[in-house]
Amino acid sequence: MDGAIAGLVLLAVLVVFAAIVVAKSVALIPQAEAAVIERLGRYSKTVSGQLTLLLPFVDRIRARVDLRERVVSFPPQPVITEDNLTVQIDTVVYFQVTNPQAAVYQISNYIVGVEQLTTTTLRNLVGGMTLEQTLTSRDSINTALRGVLDEATNRWGLRVARVELRSIDPPPSIQDSMEKQMRADREKRAMILTAEGSREAAIKQAEGQKQAQILAAEGAKQASILAAEGDRQSRMLRAQGERAAAYLQAQGQAKAIEKTFAAIKAGRPTPELLAYQYLQTLPEMAKGEANKVWLVPSDFGSALQGFTKLLGAPGEDGVFRYTPSPVDDVPLKSDDDEVADWFSTETDPAIAQAVAKAEAEARAPVPGPLDGPREFPSLAPQPAPATQPNPEQ
């Protein structure tokens, strides 16, 4: 019974030992990870992304190294600038392990080494720059810092991809001064822009007033020209109408006198008729308001007798009667053809051309940035319909 128990214990020990041996003999290394293997305490090989067989109790995995690019953010570090101001700079480093053997054997902790190297290099770079240069030279600091780190960490089996300054925090007093300066600069720019706007507005307003005055002067000029031309043409047309009316009136009076004398001649009046007509005319002559006293001449009969002898000839009965003149039947010469153009209502071509020219000048645009071309309403008189004189007048 004791022997069986001892056999079982021995068997269990052998199984456990076999399991340990198998565990020590097989290692699974995933992709993007490298394992540094030592044999009897010395570097043997580096494997990555495979199943590796090891000699139990002879080979061992010294370190597993991540081959992916890593991002490490370091806490803010105090850095003194050239103008003796302390700023807090927070950096971010992107690096990748390219040689796992060097990363394991050349430095004990490459992350701490990168951090300390970044801090010292950053202090060297920023120490030669002023605060303003530091705040405005992020790209140049990143490039210089990356170059120094990449060169220094190359022997550690690292490749620095990029370095970024995440934040640069000046002292609170300097931040207040910077905010005041920025506020003053903004107020200055606002005042400058306000002054520029007021200046531009004043210039535009002055240009608008100038253009308005020019247009008003042009309009007054063209209105005066058209008014003068219209007054001139109206005077000419009125004068022509008065001349034609006077001619027609004279022509009518001539026709009336001609008809009257023709009727008198046709009636062969006697001295008694003439005396009767003369007596009827005398009261009409005395109707004037200024006529207070009217005297009849004493030689009225002698004057009437002489007037009858001049107009008539004695007949068979001894009475003087009117004898027509042999030239009375000759028709009078008419001058209607000579005055035919007096009654024309057509517009004078010279006047129409002058009015058209004035209208063209009035509609001409005045050059200026504010207003476009202006047009003035036509003030030219419209031609009246042609009328012919009444031949009966």
Foldseek 3Di string as FASTA:
>chain_A
DVVVVVVVVVVVVVVVVVVLQVVQFKDAAQAQKKWFKDFQRHTDDIDHHGIGTDHPPGMDTPDMGGQDKDKDKDFWDWAAACVGFTKTWIKIWIKGFQDVVLLVPVDPHVVVVLVVLLRVLLNVVRRDHDPVCVVVVQVVSWVVSQVVSQVVCVSSRMHTPTMGTPDIGTDPVVVVVVVVVVVVVVVVVVVVVVVVVVVVVVVVVVQVVVVVVVLVVLLVVLVVLLVVLVVVQVVVLVVLVVVVVVVVVVVVVVVVVLVVVVVCLVVFDFLVVVVVVVVVCVVVVQPDPPRPDDDDDPCVVVVSVVVLVVQFDQDPVGTTTGDDDPCSPPDDDDPCVVCQVSQFQDDDPVSVVSQVVSQVSSQAADDGDPDTTDHDDRPDDDGDDRDGDDVVD
